[in-house]
PDB file of N, CA and C in Angstrom:
ATOM      1  N   UNK A   1     -25.907  20.096  68.015  1.00  0.00           N
ATOM      2  CA  UNK A   1     -26.245  18.763  67.605  1.00  0.00           C
ATOM      3  C   UNK A   1     -25.116  17.822  68.001  1.00  0.00           C
ATOM      4  N   UNK A   2     -25.453  16.692  68.547  1.00  0.00           N
ATOM      5  CA  UNK A   2     -24.467  15.690  68.905  1.00  0.00           C
ATOM      6  C   UNK A   2     -24.881  14.347  68.351  1.00  0.00           C
ATOM      7  N   UNK A   3     -23.933  13.418  68.356  1.00  0.00           N
ATOM      8  CA  UNK A   3     -24.221  12.100  67.825  1.00  0.00           C
ATOM      9  C   UNK A   3     -23.756  11.993  66.386  1.00  0.00           C
ATOM     10  N   UNK A   4     -24.078  10.863  65.789  1.00  0.00           N
ATOM     11  CA  UNK A   4     -23.647  10.615  64.422  1.00  0.00           C
ATOM     12  C   UNK A   4     -24.442  11.452  63.432  1.00  0.00           C
ATOM     13  N   UNK A   5     -23.731  11.981  62.450  1.00  0.00           N
ATOM     14  CA  UNK A   5     -24.362  12.765  61.405  1.00  0.00           C
ATOM     15  C   UNK A   5     -24.684  11.887  60.205  1.00  0.00           C
ATOM     16  N   UNK A   6     -25.305  12.460  59.192  1.00  0.00           N
ATOM     17  CA  UNK A   6     -25.737  11.680  58.037  1.00  0.00           C
ATOM     18  C   UNK A   6     -24.588  11.069  57.229  1.00  0.00           C
ATOM     19  N   UNK A   7     -23.370  11.595  57.363  1.00  0.00           N
ATOM     20  CA  UNK A   7     -22.242  11.057  56.602  1.00  0.00           C
ATOM     21  C   UNK A   7     -21.439  10.040  57.403  1.00  0.00           C
ATOM     22  N   UNK A   8     -21.910   9.639  58.557  1.00  0.00           N
ATOM     23  CA  UNK A   8     -21.168   8.714  59.419  1.00  0.00           C
ATOM     24  C   UNK A   8     -20.863   7.394  58.723  1.00  0.00           C
ATOM     25  N   UNK A   9     -21.693   6.974  57.795  1.00  0.00           N
ATOM     26  CA  UNK A   9     -21.490   5.698  57.103  1.00  0.00           C
ATOM     27  C   UNK A   9     -20.686   5.840  55.809  1.00  0.00           C
ATOM     28  N   UNK A  10     -20.268   7.039  55.492  1.00  0.00           N
ATOM     29  CA  UNK A  10     -19.594   7.296  54.224  1.00  0.00           C
ATOM     30  C   UNK A  10     -18.379   6.394  54.014  1.00  0.00           C
ATOM     31  N   UNK A  11     -17.588   6.178  55.050  1.00  0.00           N
ATOM     32  CA  UNK A  11     -16.368   5.369  54.892  1.00  0.00           C
ATOM     33  C   UNK A  11     -16.665   3.879  54.731  1.00  0.00           C
ATOM     34  N   UNK A  12     -17.881   3.454  55.022  1.00  0.00           N
ATOM     35  CA  UNK A  12     -18.193   2.027  54.921  1.00  0.00           C
ATOM     36  C   UNK A  12     -19.101   1.686  53.735  1.00  0.00           C
ATOM     37  N   UNK A  13     -19.375   2.652  52.878  1.00  0.00           N
ATOM     38  CA  UNK A  13     -20.201   2.368  51.708  1.00  0.00           C
ATOM     39  C   UNK A  13     -19.459   1.438  50.750  1.00  0.00           C
ATOM     40  N   UNK A  14     -20.139   0.448  50.202  1.00  0.00           N
ATOM     41  CA  UNK A  14     -19.478  -0.447  49.246  1.00  0.00           C
ATOM     42  C   UNK A  14     -19.296   0.230  47.889  1.00  0.00           C
ATOM     43  N   UNK A  15     -18.348  -0.275  47.119  1.00  0.00           N
ATOM     44  CA  UNK A  15     -18.138   0.235  45.757  1.00  0.00           C
ATOM     45  C   UNK A  15     -19.438   0.114  44.975  1.00  0.00           C
ATOM     46  N   UNK A  16     -19.701   1.073  44.151  1.00  0.00           N
ATOM     47  CA  UNK A  16     -20.907   1.148  43.313  1.00  0.00           C
ATOM     48  C   UNK A  16     -22.193   1.378  44.101  1.00  0.00           C
ATOM     49  N   UNK A  17     -22.075   1.795  45.364  1.00  0.00           N
ATOM     50  CA  UNK A  17     -23.278   2.144  46.131  1.00  0.00           C
ATOM     51  C   UNK A  17     -23.984   3.306  45.436  1.00  0.00           C
ATOM     52  N   UNK A  18     -25.303   3.268  45.447  1.00  0.00           N
ATOM     53  CA  UNK A  18     -26.057   4.360  44.844  1.00  0.00           C
ATOM     54  C   UNK A  18     -26.290   5.440  45.891  1.00  0.00           C
ATOM     55  N   UNK A  19     -26.026   6.678  45.485  1.00  0.00           N
ATOM     56  CA  UNK A  19     -26.253   7.845  46.344  1.00  0.00           C
ATOM     57  C   UNK A  19     -27.301   8.692  45.646  1.00  0.00           C
ATOM     58  N   UNK A  20     -28.376   8.999  46.347  1.00  0.00           N
ATOM     59  CA  UNK A  20     -29.462   9.792  45.773  1.00  0.00           C
ATOM     60  C   UNK A  20     -29.510  11.139  46.481  1.00  0.00           C
ATOM     61  N   UNK A  21     -29.428  12.203  45.699  1.00  0.00           N
ATOM     62  CA  UNK A  21     -29.533  13.567  46.222  1.00  0.00           C
ATOM     63  C   UNK A  21     -30.890  14.104  45.788  1.00  0.00           C
ATOM     64  N   UNK A  22     -31.685  14.534  46.749  1.00  0.00           N
ATOM     65  CA  UNK A  22     -33.009  15.067  46.458  1.00  0.00           C
ATOM     66  C   UNK A  22     -33.006  16.576  46.700  1.00  0.00           C
ATOM     67  N   UNK A  23     -33.426  17.331  45.693  1.00  0.00           N
ATOM     68  CA  UNK A  23     -33.472  18.789  45.813  1.00  0.00           C
ATOM     69  C   UNK A  23     -34.694  19.214  46.618  1.00  0.00           C
ATOM     70  N   UNK A  24     -34.734  20.481  46.987  1.00  0.00           N
ATOM     71  CA  UNK A  24     -35.900  21.021  47.697  1.00  0.00           C
ATOM     72  C   UNK A  24     -37.179  20.868  46.871  1.00  0.00           C
ATOM     73  N   UNK A  25     -37.027  20.896  45.558  1.00  0.00           N
ATOM     74  CA  UNK A  25     -38.190  20.773  44.666  1.00  0.00           C
ATOM     75  C   UNK A  25     -38.622  19.322  44.465  1.00  0.00           C
ATOM     76  N   UNK A  26     -37.860  18.385  45.034  1.00  0.00           N
ATOM     77  CA  UNK A  26     -38.225  16.985  44.937  1.00  0.00           C
ATOM     78  C   UNK A  26     -37.559  16.214  43.804  1.00  0.00           C
ATOM     79  N   UNK A  27     -36.711  16.865  43.016  1.00  0.00           N
ATOM     80  CA  UNK A  27     -35.996  16.168  41.943  1.00  0.00           C
ATOM     81  C   UNK A  27     -34.904  15.288  42.536  1.00  0.00           C
ATOM     82  N   UNK A  28     -34.752  14.098  41.963  1.00  0.00           N
ATOM     83  CA  UNK A  28     -33.710  13.187  42.423  1.00  0.00           C
ATOM     84  C   UNK A  28     -32.556  13.145  41.425  1.00  0.00           C
ATOM     85  N   UNK A  29     -31.344  13.181  41.952  1.00  0.00           N
ATOM     86  CA  UNK A  29     -30.128  13.039  41.155  1.00  0.00           C
ATOM     87  C   UNK A  29     -29.403  11.811  41.705  1.00  0.00           C
ATOM     88  N   UNK A  30     -29.130  10.858  40.829  1.00  0.00           N
ATOM     89  CA  UNK A  30     -28.551   9.580  41.254  1.00  0.00           C
ATOM     90  C   UNK A  30     -27.081   9.488  40.848  1.00  0.00           C
ATOM     91  N   UNK A  31     -26.284   8.962  41.760  1.00  0.00           N
ATOM     92  CA  UNK A  31     -24.853   8.802  41.552  1.00  0.00           C
ATOM     93  C   UNK A  31     -24.432   7.412  42.000  1.00  0.00           C
ATOM     94  N   UNK A  32     -23.337   6.912  41.425  1.00  0.00           N
ATOM     95  CA  UNK A  32     -22.745   5.644  41.835  1.00  0.00           C
ATOM     96  C   UNK A  32     -21.371   5.918  42.432  1.00  0.00           C
ATOM     97  N   UNK A  33     -21.109   5.355  43.591  1.00  0.00           N
ATOM     98  CA  UNK A  33     -19.833   5.566  44.265  1.00  0.00           C
ATOM     99  C   UNK A  33     -18.703   4.983  43.429  1.00  0.00           C
ATOM    100  N   UNK A  34     -17.756   5.834  43.110  1.00  0.00           N
ATOM    101  CA  UNK A  34     -16.602   5.420  42.311  1.00  0.00           C
ATOM    102  C   UNK A  34     -15.400   5.128  43.205  1.00  0.00           C
ATOM    103  N   UNK A  35     -15.194   5.960  44.223  1.00  0.00           N
ATOM    104  CA  UNK A  35     -14.059   5.749  45.124  1.00  0.00           C
ATOM    105  C   UNK A  35     -14.336   6.411  46.466  1.00  0.00           C
ATOM    106  N   UNK A  36     -13.672   5.889  47.463  1.00  0.00           N
ATOM    107  CA  UNK A  36     -13.733   6.457  48.801  1.00  0.00           C
ATOM    108  C   UNK A  36     -12.398   6.232  49.477  1.00  0.00           C
ATOM    109  N   UNK A  37     -11.838   7.287  50.058  1.00  0.00           N
ATOM    110  CA  UNK A  37     -10.527   7.190  50.683  1.00  0.00           C
ATOM    111  C   UNK A  37     -10.456   8.038  51.942  1.00  0.00           C
ATOM    112  N   UNK A  38      -9.600   7.617  52.855  1.00  0.00           N
ATOM    113  CA  UNK A  38      -9.282   8.411  54.036  1.00  0.00           C
ATOM    114  C   UNK A  38      -7.965   9.135  53.797  1.00  0.00           C
ATOM    115  N   UNK A  39      -7.907  10.388  54.204  1.00  0.00           N
ATOM    116  CA  UNK A  39      -6.691  11.184  54.105  1.00  0.00           C
ATOM    117  C   UNK A  39      -6.484  11.925  55.410  1.00  0.00           C
ATOM    118  N   UNK A  40      -5.224  12.097  55.814  1.00  0.00           N
ATOM    119  CA  UNK A  40      -4.957  13.038  56.891  1.00  0.00           C
ATOM    120  C   UNK A  40      -5.307  14.404  56.333  1.00  0.00           C
ATOM    121  N   UNK A  41      -5.896  15.257  57.178  1.00  0.00           N
ATOM    122  CA  UNK A  41      -6.414  16.546  56.695  1.00  0.00           C
ATOM    123  C   UNK A  41      -5.386  17.328  55.881  1.00  0.00           C
ATOM    124  N   UNK A  42      -4.150  17.358  56.332  1.00  0.00           N
ATOM    125  CA  UNK A  42      -3.139  18.149  55.627  1.00  0.00           C
ATOM    126  C   UNK A  42      -2.657  17.485  54.343  1.00  0.00           C
ATOM    127  N   UNK A  43      -3.090  16.256  54.059  1.00  0.00           N
ATOM    128  CA  UNK A  43      -2.655  15.552  52.857  1.00  0.00           C
ATOM    129  C   UNK A  43      -3.775  15.360  51.834  1.00  0.00           C
ATOM    130  N   UNK A  44      -4.901  16.026  52.017  1.00  0.00           N
ATOM    131  CA  UNK A  44      -6.001  15.922  51.045  1.00  0.00           C
ATOM    132  C   UNK A  44      -5.525  16.505  49.712  1.00  0.00           C
ATOM    133  N   UNK A  45      -5.584  15.715  48.626  1.00  0.00           N
ATOM    134  CA  UNK A  45      -5.131  16.203  47.313  1.00  0.00           C
ATOM    135  C   UNK A  45      -6.197  17.091  46.661  1.00  0.00           C
ATOM    136  N   UNK A  46      -6.268  18.323  47.086  1.00  0.00           N
ATOM    137  CA  UNK A  46      -7.344  19.217  46.654  1.00  0.00           C
ATOM    138  C   UNK A  46      -7.440  19.344  45.141  1.00  0.00           C
ATOM    139  N   UNK A  47      -6.302  19.361  44.441  1.00  0.00           N
ATOM    140  CA  UNK A  47      -6.339  19.495  42.983  1.00  0.00           C
ATOM    141  C   UNK A  47      -6.939  18.265  42.312  1.00  0.00           C
ATOM    142  N   UNK A  48      -6.915  17.111  42.978  1.00  0.00           N
ATOM    143  CA  UNK A  48      -7.500  15.897  42.430  1.00  0.00           C
ATOM    144  C   UNK A  48      -8.962  15.724  42.845  1.00  0.00           C
ATOM    145  N   UNK A  49      -9.369  16.449  43.877  1.00  0.00           N
ATOM    146  CA  UNK A  49     -10.739  16.344  44.385  1.00  0.00           C
ATOM    147  C   UNK A  49     -11.642  17.376  43.724  1.00  0.00           C
ATOM    148  N   UNK A  50     -11.138  18.602  43.625  1.00  0.00           N
ATOM    149  CA  UNK A  50     -11.948  19.696  43.088  1.00  0.00           C
ATOM    150  C   UNK A  50     -11.405  20.157  41.744  1.00  0.00           C
ATOM    151  N   UNK A  51     -12.087  19.763  40.693  1.00  0.00           N
ATOM    152  CA  UNK A  51     -11.769  20.245  39.356  1.00  0.00           C
ATOM    153  C   UNK A  51     -13.056  20.303  38.554  1.00  0.00           C
ATOM    154  N   UNK A  52     -13.057  21.039  37.469  1.00  0.00           N
ATOM    155  CA  UNK A  52     -14.291  21.277  36.719  1.00  0.00           C
ATOM    156  C   UNK A  52     -14.351  20.538  35.383  1.00  0.00           C
ATOM    157  N   UNK A  53     -13.319  19.792  35.042  1.00  0.00           N
ATOM    158  CA  UNK A  53     -13.301  19.067  33.772  1.00  0.00           C
ATOM    159  C   UNK A  53     -13.976  17.712  33.925  1.00  0.00           C
ATOM    160  N   UNK A  54     -14.411  17.151  32.811  1.00  0.00           N
ATOM    161  CA  UNK A  54     -14.949  15.796  32.831  1.00  0.00           C
ATOM    162  C   UNK A  54     -16.446  15.742  33.092  1.00  0.00           C
ATOM    163  N   UNK A  55     -16.900  14.510  33.293  1.00  0.00           N
ATOM    164  CA  UNK A  55     -18.320  14.246  33.516  1.00  0.00           C
ATOM    165  C   UNK A  55     -18.765  14.756  34.883  1.00  0.00           C
ATOM    166  N   UNK A  56     -20.074  15.029  35.026  1.00  0.00           N
ATOM    167  CA  UNK A  56     -20.586  15.458  36.334  1.00  0.00           C
ATOM    168  C   UNK A  56     -20.298  14.402  37.402  1.00  0.00           C
ATOM    169  N   UNK A  57     -19.984  14.868  38.588  1.00  0.00           N
ATOM    170  CA  UNK A  57     -19.719  13.966  39.699  1.00  0.00           C
ATOM    171  C   UNK A  57     -20.069  14.650  41.007  1.00  0.00           C
ATOM    172  N   UNK A  58     -20.162  13.853  42.020  1.00  0.00           N
ATOM    173  CA  UNK A  58     -20.502  14.326  43.353  1.00  0.00           C
ATOM    174  C   UNK A  58     -19.328  14.018  44.265  1.00  0.00           C
ATOM    175  N   UNK A  59     -18.877  15.011  45.029  1.00  0.00           N
ATOM    176  CA  UNK A  59     -17.792  14.816  45.986  1.00  0.00           C
ATOM    177  C   UNK A  59     -18.366  15.050  47.380  1.00  0.00           C
ATOM    178  N   UNK A  60     -18.257  14.020  48.226  1.00  0.00           N
ATOM    179  CA  UNK A  60     -18.734  14.104  49.608  1.00  0.00           C
ATOM    180  C   UNK A  60     -17.529  14.014  50.535  1.00  0.00           C
ATOM    181  N   UNK A  61     -17.474  14.906  51.505  1.00  0.00           N
ATOM    182  CA  UNK A  61     -16.346  14.950  52.438  1.00  0.00           C
ATOM    183  C   UNK A  61     -16.882  15.001  53.858  1.00  0.00           C
ATOM    184  N   UNK A  62     -16.293  14.194  54.732  1.00  0.00           N
ATOM    185  CA  UNK A  62     -16.646  14.218  56.142  1.00  0.00           C
ATOM    186  C   UNK A  62     -15.397  13.968  56.973  1.00  0.00           C
ATOM    187  N   UNK A  63     -15.526  14.147  58.253  1.00  0.00           N
ATOM    188  CA  UNK A  63     -14.413  13.943  59.178  1.00  0.00           C
ATOM    189  C   UNK A  63     -14.311  12.488  59.596  1.00  0.00           C
ATOM    190  N   UNK A  64     -13.090  12.082  59.972  1.00  0.00           N
ATOM    191  CA  UNK A  64     -12.843  10.722  60.435  1.00  0.00           C
ATOM    192  C   UNK A  64     -11.539  10.741  61.228  1.00  0.00           C
ATOM    193  N   UNK A  65     -11.172   9.611  61.756  1.00  0.00           N
ATOM    194  CA  UNK A  65      -9.918   9.501  62.495  1.00  0.00           C
ATOM    195  C   UNK A  65     -10.080   9.850  63.954  1.00  0.00           C
ATOM    196  N   UNK A  66      -8.982  10.240  64.562  1.00  0.00           N
ATOM    197  CA  UNK A  66      -8.959  10.574  65.983  1.00  0.00           C
ATOM    198  C   UNK A  66      -9.493  11.986  66.216  1.00  0.00           C
ATOM    199  N   UNK A  67     -10.263  12.147  67.284  1.00  0.00           N
ATOM    200  CA  UNK A  67     -10.785  13.465  67.644  1.00  0.00           C
ATOM    201  C   UNK A  67      -9.838  14.111  68.645  1.00  0.00           C
ATOM    202  N   UNK A  68      -9.412  15.334  68.345  1.00  0.00           N
ATOM    203  CA  UNK A  68      -8.532  16.098  69.229  1.00  0.00           C
ATOM    204  C   UNK A  68      -9.410  17.022  70.076  1.00  0.00           C
ATOM    205  N   UNK A  69      -9.533  16.707  71.355  1.00  0.00           N
ATOM    206  CA  UNK A  69     -10.380  17.500  72.267  1.00  0.00           C
ATOM    207  C   UNK A  69      -9.932  18.952  72.341  1.00  0.00           C
ATOM    208  N   UNK A  70      -8.615  19.193  72.344  1.00  0.00           N
ATOM    209  CA  UNK A  70      -8.106  20.562  72.459  1.00  0.00           C
ATOM    210  C   UNK A  70      -8.435  21.404  71.235  1.00  0.00           C
ATOM    211  N   UNK A  71      -8.253  20.821  70.053  1.00  0.00           N
ATOM    212  CA  UNK A  71      -8.521  21.551  68.811  1.00  0.00           C
ATOM    213  C   UNK A  71      -9.970  21.434  68.351  1.00  0.00           C
ATOM    214  N   UNK A  72     -10.707  20.480  68.959  1.00  0.00           N
ATOM    215  CA  UNK A  72     -12.105  20.221  68.609  1.00  0.00           C
ATOM    216  C   UNK A  72     -12.258  19.877  67.127  1.00  0.00           C
ATOM    217  N   UNK A  73     -11.383  18.996  66.649  1.00  0.00           N
ATOM    218  CA  UNK A  73     -11.410  18.584  65.253  1.00  0.00           C
ATOM    219  C   UNK A  73     -10.906  17.152  65.132  1.00  0.00           C
ATOM    220  N   UNK A  74     -11.202  16.533  64.006  1.00  0.00           N
ATOM    221  CA  UNK A  74     -10.721  15.186  63.717  1.00  0.00           C
ATOM    222  C   UNK A  74      -9.432  15.253  62.910  1.00  0.00           C
ATOM    223  N   UNK A  75      -8.655  14.173  62.950  1.00  0.00           N
ATOM    224  CA  UNK A  75      -7.363  14.136  62.267  1.00  0.00           C
ATOM    225  C   UNK A  75      -7.481  13.885  60.763  1.00  0.00           C
ATOM    226  N   UNK A  76      -8.548  13.231  60.330  1.00  0.00           N
ATOM    227  CA  UNK A  76      -8.649  12.792  58.935  1.00  0.00           C
ATOM    228  C   UNK A  76      -9.932  13.274  58.271  1.00  0.00           C
ATOM    229  N   UNK A  77      -9.965  13.100  56.963  1.00  0.00           N
ATOM    230  CA  UNK A  77     -11.177  13.292  56.171  1.00  0.00           C
ATOM    231  C   UNK A  77     -11.436  12.043  55.351  1.00  0.00           C
ATOM    232  N   UNK A  78     -12.710  11.720  55.179  1.00  0.00           N
ATOM    233  CA  UNK A  78     -13.137  10.703  54.222  1.00  0.00           C
ATOM    234  C   UNK A  78     -13.633  11.469  53.006  1.00  0.00           C
ATOM    235  N   UNK A  79     -13.144  11.091  51.835  1.00  0.00           N
ATOM    236  CA  UNK A  79     -13.581  11.723  50.594  1.00  0.00           C
ATOM    237  C   UNK A  79     -14.152  10.638  49.695  1.00  0.00           C
ATOM    238  N   UNK A  80     -15.416  10.788  49.352  1.00  0.00           N
ATOM    239  CA  UNK A  80     -16.094   9.844  48.461  1.00  0.00           C
ATOM    240  C   UNK A  80     -16.441  10.574  47.172  1.00  0.00           C
ATOM    241  N   UNK A  81     -16.118   9.931  46.066  1.00  0.00           N
ATOM    242  CA  UNK A  81     -16.415  10.521  44.755  1.00  0.00           C
ATOM    243  C   UNK A  81     -17.377   9.593  44.030  1.00  0.00           C
ATOM    244  N   UNK A  82     -18.473  10.160  43.563  1.00  0.00           N
ATOM    245  CA  UNK A  82     -19.501   9.397  42.860  1.00  0.00           C
ATOM    246  C   UNK A  82     -19.749  10.017  41.505  1.00  0.00           C
ATOM    247  N   UNK A  83     -20.009   9.155  40.537  1.00  0.00           N
ATOM    248  CA  UNK A  83     -20.287   9.624  39.178  1.00  0.00           C
ATOM    249  C   UNK A  83     -21.791   9.563  38.913  1.00  0.00           C
ATOM    250  N   UNK A  84     -22.231  10.414  38.004  1.00  0.00           N
ATOM    251  CA  UNK A  84     -23.662  10.455  37.685  1.00  0.00           C
ATOM    252  C   UNK A  84     -24.124   9.106  37.160  1.00  0.00           C
ATOM    253  N   UNK A  85     -25.273   8.648  37.669  1.00  0.00           N
ATOM    254  CA  UNK A  85     -25.866   7.392  37.233  1.00  0.00           C
ATOM    255  C   UNK A  85     -26.878   7.725  36.135  1.00  0.00           C
ATOM    256  N   UNK A  86     -26.643   7.243  34.940  1.00  0.00           N
ATOM    257  CA  UNK A  86     -27.495   7.655  33.801  1.00  0.00           C
ATOM    258  C   UNK A  86     -28.870   7.000  33.737  1.00  0.00           C
ATOM    259  N   UNK A  87     -29.351   6.435  34.819  1.00  0.00           N
ATOM    260  CA  UNK A  87     -30.667   5.778  34.798  1.00  0.00           C
ATOM    261  C   UNK A  87     -31.738   6.783  34.459  1.00  0.00           C
TER     262      UNK A  87
END
């Protein structure tokens, strides 16, 4: 697969954007974007991104930054964190 993927717009979503996740069974889970940040891959604060305490949330991660042809990878990650929308 080539071209832009579904997360290509992740870094440009406005604050409080609604993100809807639809399950295979058709159930919708709604979230509101709380934060979005770019990090160099080696500086991603994993302990702040992945934890099990607190309210339910959605963490979306995609690649960004410069593409290294030799390594076939991007230099950065975009991390968006969304909280459950109680609608």
